[in-house]
Amino acid sequence: MNLETNLSRRLSKERPFTSAVTGTPEKTIFAGEFDDEGKFSVKPVGMVNLYEEIQMYRDSCDINTILERFSSGDDSVIQRTNGFFADFSDFPDNYAGVFNMIENCRDFFNKMPASFKEKYGNNFETFMTSAEAEDFLPKIKLDTPSATPTPATPVVKPIENPVVKPSTKVEVTNEP
């Protein structure tokens, strides 16, 4: 059923129906750069065939390939990412908190002796970037928490000479 409206009549008179091109298979890649005056501009740097890029993932999306890999013991096909567990309870929950944390790190770096800062080229950003290295904490000589925390031992005072009276209740008393 074709319901004709005032809008459809007006549009059909003004412009005839033509099919639209949905796009090209190639996508332009852009990159930003600064000129000599410090102005930022975006310029095309290349082309990518979008259809070919999508087809690269064809086999990894095929359900038969996924089931075949899973049945052969490869359970990584159903995992999107590896698990990541961390304690973020002390981490700030807003931008201002993150900014304050970074400023505290900057103050820490600025208060260090010159010999320490020279290891990082007197550059706070280099210092922060190196924080993900395994030898970072020993380099800055901070105490690291032990990998396996020792549980607190409860203090238990033994009861001297417990006496049990014959009844339905059990009572423990300290009698000299």
Protein backbone atom coordinates (compact mmCIF):
# COMPACT_ATOMS: atom_id res chain seq x y z
CA MET A 1 0.00 0.00 0.00
CA ASN A 2 1.46 3.33 -1.02
CA LEU A 3 0.10 6.20 1.04
CA GLU A 4 0.62 9.48 -0.74
CA THR A 5 1.10 12.59 1.40
CA ASN A 6 1.54 16.28 0.63
CA LEU A 7 5.24 15.93 1.36
CA SER A 8 5.73 12.97 -0.96
CA ARG A 9 3.86 14.77 -3.80
CA ARG A 10 5.96 17.90 -3.34
CA LEU A 11 9.25 15.98 -3.23
CA SER A 12 8.39 13.93 -6.32
CA LYS A 13 7.71 17.10 -8.31
CA GLU A 14 10.82 18.95 -7.15
CA ARG A 15 13.35 16.20 -7.67
CA PRO A 16 13.03 12.82 -9.27
CA PHE A 17 14.12 9.72 -7.39
CA THR A 18 17.75 8.80 -7.99
CA SER A 19 19.84 6.17 -6.28
CA ALA A 20 22.63 7.45 -4.07
CA VAL A 21 26.18 6.14 -4.00
CA THR A 22 26.74 4.64 -0.57
CA GLY A 23 30.43 5.36 -0.47
CA THR A 24 33.74 4.24 -1.78
CA PRO A 25 35.66 1.21 -0.57
CA GLU A 26 38.63 3.42 0.23
CA LYS A 27 38.97 5.51 3.36
CA THR A 28 41.31 8.49 3.67
CA ILE A 29 43.69 8.45 6.64
CA PHE A 30 44.44 11.84 8.18
CA ALA A 31 47.19 13.01 10.51
CA GLY A 32 47.69 16.26 12.33
CA GLU A 33 50.81 18.39 12.25
CA PHE A 34 51.99 21.79 13.40
CA ASP A 35 53.39 24.29 10.91
CA ASP A 36 56.28 26.72 11.55
CA GLU A 37 53.90 29.24 13.13
CA GLY A 38 52.54 26.66 15.59
CA LYS A 39 49.16 26.26 13.89
CA PHE A 40 47.67 22.80 13.89
CA SER A 41 46.34 21.40 10.61
CA VAL A 42 45.05 18.04 9.44
CA LYS A 43 46.33 16.60 6.17
CA PRO A 44 45.62 13.34 4.33
CA VAL A 45 48.50 10.87 4.63
CA GLY A 46 47.15 7.77 2.91
CA MET A 47 44.29 5.59 1.78
CA VAL A 48 43.02 2.29 3.19
CA ASN A 49 40.71 -0.09 1.37
CA LEU A 50 37.99 -0.53 3.98
CA TYR A 51 36.49 -3.63 2.37
CA GLU A 52 39.83 -5.44 2.35
CA GLU A 53 40.45 -4.44 5.96
CA ILE A 54 37.07 -5.87 7.01
CA GLN A 55 37.70 -9.06 5.05
CA MET A 56 40.99 -9.61 6.91
CA TYR A 57 38.92 -10.64 9.94
CA ARG A 58 36.56 -12.90 8.00
CA ASP A 59 38.04 -16.19 9.28
CA SER A 60 38.20 -15.07 12.90
CA CYS A 61 34.45 -14.27 12.81
CA ASP A 62 33.35 -17.50 11.13
CA ILE A 63 31.37 -19.55 13.67
CA ASN A 64 32.60 -22.84 12.22
CA THR A 65 36.25 -21.79 12.63
CA ILE A 66 35.57 -20.59 16.17
CA LEU A 67 33.86 -23.86 17.17
CA GLU A 68 36.61 -25.92 15.53
CA ARG A 69 39.32 -24.06 17.44
CA PHE A 70 37.37 -24.31 20.71
CA SER A 71 36.75 -28.05 20.29
CA SER A 72 40.48 -28.58 19.74
CA GLY A 73 41.16 -27.04 23.17
CA ASP A 74 41.84 -23.40 22.28
CA ASP A 75 39.66 -21.46 24.73
CA SER A 76 41.21 -18.11 23.76
CA VAL A 77 38.67 -17.81 20.93
CA ILE A 78 35.89 -17.03 23.41
CA GLN A 79 37.92 -14.61 25.54
CA ARG A 80 37.92 -11.00 24.40
CA THR A 81 40.61 -9.84 26.81
CA ASN A 82 42.76 -11.30 29.52
CA GLY A 83 41.65 -10.68 33.05
CA PHE A 84 43.11 -7.71 34.87
CA PHE A 85 42.87 -7.46 38.61
CA ALA A 86 44.08 -4.53 40.66
CA ASP A 87 43.22 -2.66 43.81
CA PHE A 88 41.92 0.76 42.77
CA SER A 89 40.42 1.61 46.15
CA ASP A 90 42.94 4.44 46.68
CA PHE A 91 42.73 5.66 43.10
CA PRO A 92 40.92 8.99 42.53
CA ASP A 93 37.47 8.83 41.01
CA ASN A 94 37.50 12.16 39.18
CA TYR A 95 39.77 14.30 37.04
CA ALA A 96 40.68 16.70 39.84
CA GLY A 97 41.80 13.80 42.02
CA VAL A 98 44.00 12.41 39.24
CA PHE A 99 45.46 15.85 38.69
CA ASN A 100 46.26 16.17 42.40
CA MET A 101 47.89 12.74 42.39
CA ILE A 102 50.12 13.75 39.48
CA GLU A 103 51.00 17.01 41.22
CA ASN A 104 51.98 15.06 44.34
CA CYS A 105 54.26 12.91 42.19
CA ARG A 106 55.72 16.07 40.64
CA ASP A 107 56.41 17.46 44.13
CA PHE A 108 58.08 14.17 45.08
CA PHE A 109 60.29 14.36 41.99
CA ASN A 110 61.17 18.03 42.56
CA LYS A 111 62.22 17.36 46.17
CA MET A 112 64.65 14.62 45.15
CA PRO A 113 68.41 15.39 44.98
CA ALA A 114 69.94 16.52 41.68
CA SER A 115 71.79 13.20 41.26
CA PHE A 116 68.47 11.37 41.32
CA LYS A 117 66.84 13.74 38.81
CA GLU A 118 69.80 13.37 36.42
CA LYS A 119 68.93 9.66 36.03
CA TYR A 120 65.75 10.85 34.32
CA GLY A 121 67.26 13.76 32.42
CA ASN A 122 65.78 16.23 34.93
CA ASN A 123 62.43 15.52 33.28
CA PHE A 124 59.33 14.66 35.32
CA GLU A 125 57.58 13.08 32.30
CA THR A 126 60.52 10.69 31.78
CA PHE A 127 60.36 9.83 35.48
CA MET A 128 56.63 9.03 35.25
CA THR A 129 57.08 7.01 32.06
CA SER A 130 59.78 4.88 33.67
CA ALA A 131 57.42 3.95 36.54
CA GLU A 132 56.19 0.90 34.64
CA ALA A 133 59.69 -0.66 34.54
CA GLU A 134 60.30 -3.58 36.91
CA ASP A 135 63.38 -1.98 38.47
CA PHE A 136 61.66 1.36 39.16
CA LEU A 137 61.07 0.95 42.91
CA PRO A 138 64.61 -0.30 43.66
CA LYS A 139 65.96 2.64 41.64
CA ILE A 140 64.15 5.19 43.75
CA LYS A 141 64.91 3.18 46.90
CA LEU A 142 61.36 2.94 48.17
CA ASP A 143 60.25 0.11 50.37
CA THR A 144 58.02 -2.24 48.43
CA PRO A 145 55.25 -4.10 50.21
CA SER A 146 55.92 -7.82 50.53
CA ALA A 147 54.34 -10.00 47.90
CA THR A 148 52.69 -12.21 50.51
CA PRO A 149 51.36 -10.24 53.44
CA THR A 150 51.68 -11.95 56.81
CA PRO A 151 48.32 -12.41 58.48
CA ALA A 152 47.84 -10.83 61.86
CA THR A 153 48.09 -13.36 64.68
CA PRO A 154 45.15 -13.13 67.07
CA VAL A 155 46.04 -12.76 70.73
CA VAL A 156 44.48 -15.59 72.66
CA LYS A 157 44.77 -15.74 76.44
CA PRO A 158 44.42 -19.26 77.76
CA ILE A 159 41.93 -19.86 80.54
CA GLU A 160 43.56 -21.24 83.62
CA ASN A 161 41.79 -24.16 85.29
CA PRO A 162 38.49 -24.22 83.44
CA VAL A 163 35.70 -25.74 85.50
CA VAL A 164 32.70 -27.39 83.88
CA LYS A 165 29.63 -27.69 86.09
CA PRO A 166 27.10 -30.42 85.39
CA SER A 167 24.18 -28.63 83.82
CA THR A 168 22.72 -27.93 80.42
CA LYS A 169 24.96 -24.89 80.12
CA VAL A 170 28.69 -24.99 79.91
CA GLU A 171 30.35 -22.22 81.85
CA VAL A 172 34.02 -21.44 81.97
CA THR A 173 35.29 -19.66 85.02
CA ASN A 174 38.64 -18.69 86.43
CA GLU A 175 38.89 -20.06 89.95
CA PRO A 176 42.12 -19.89 91.92
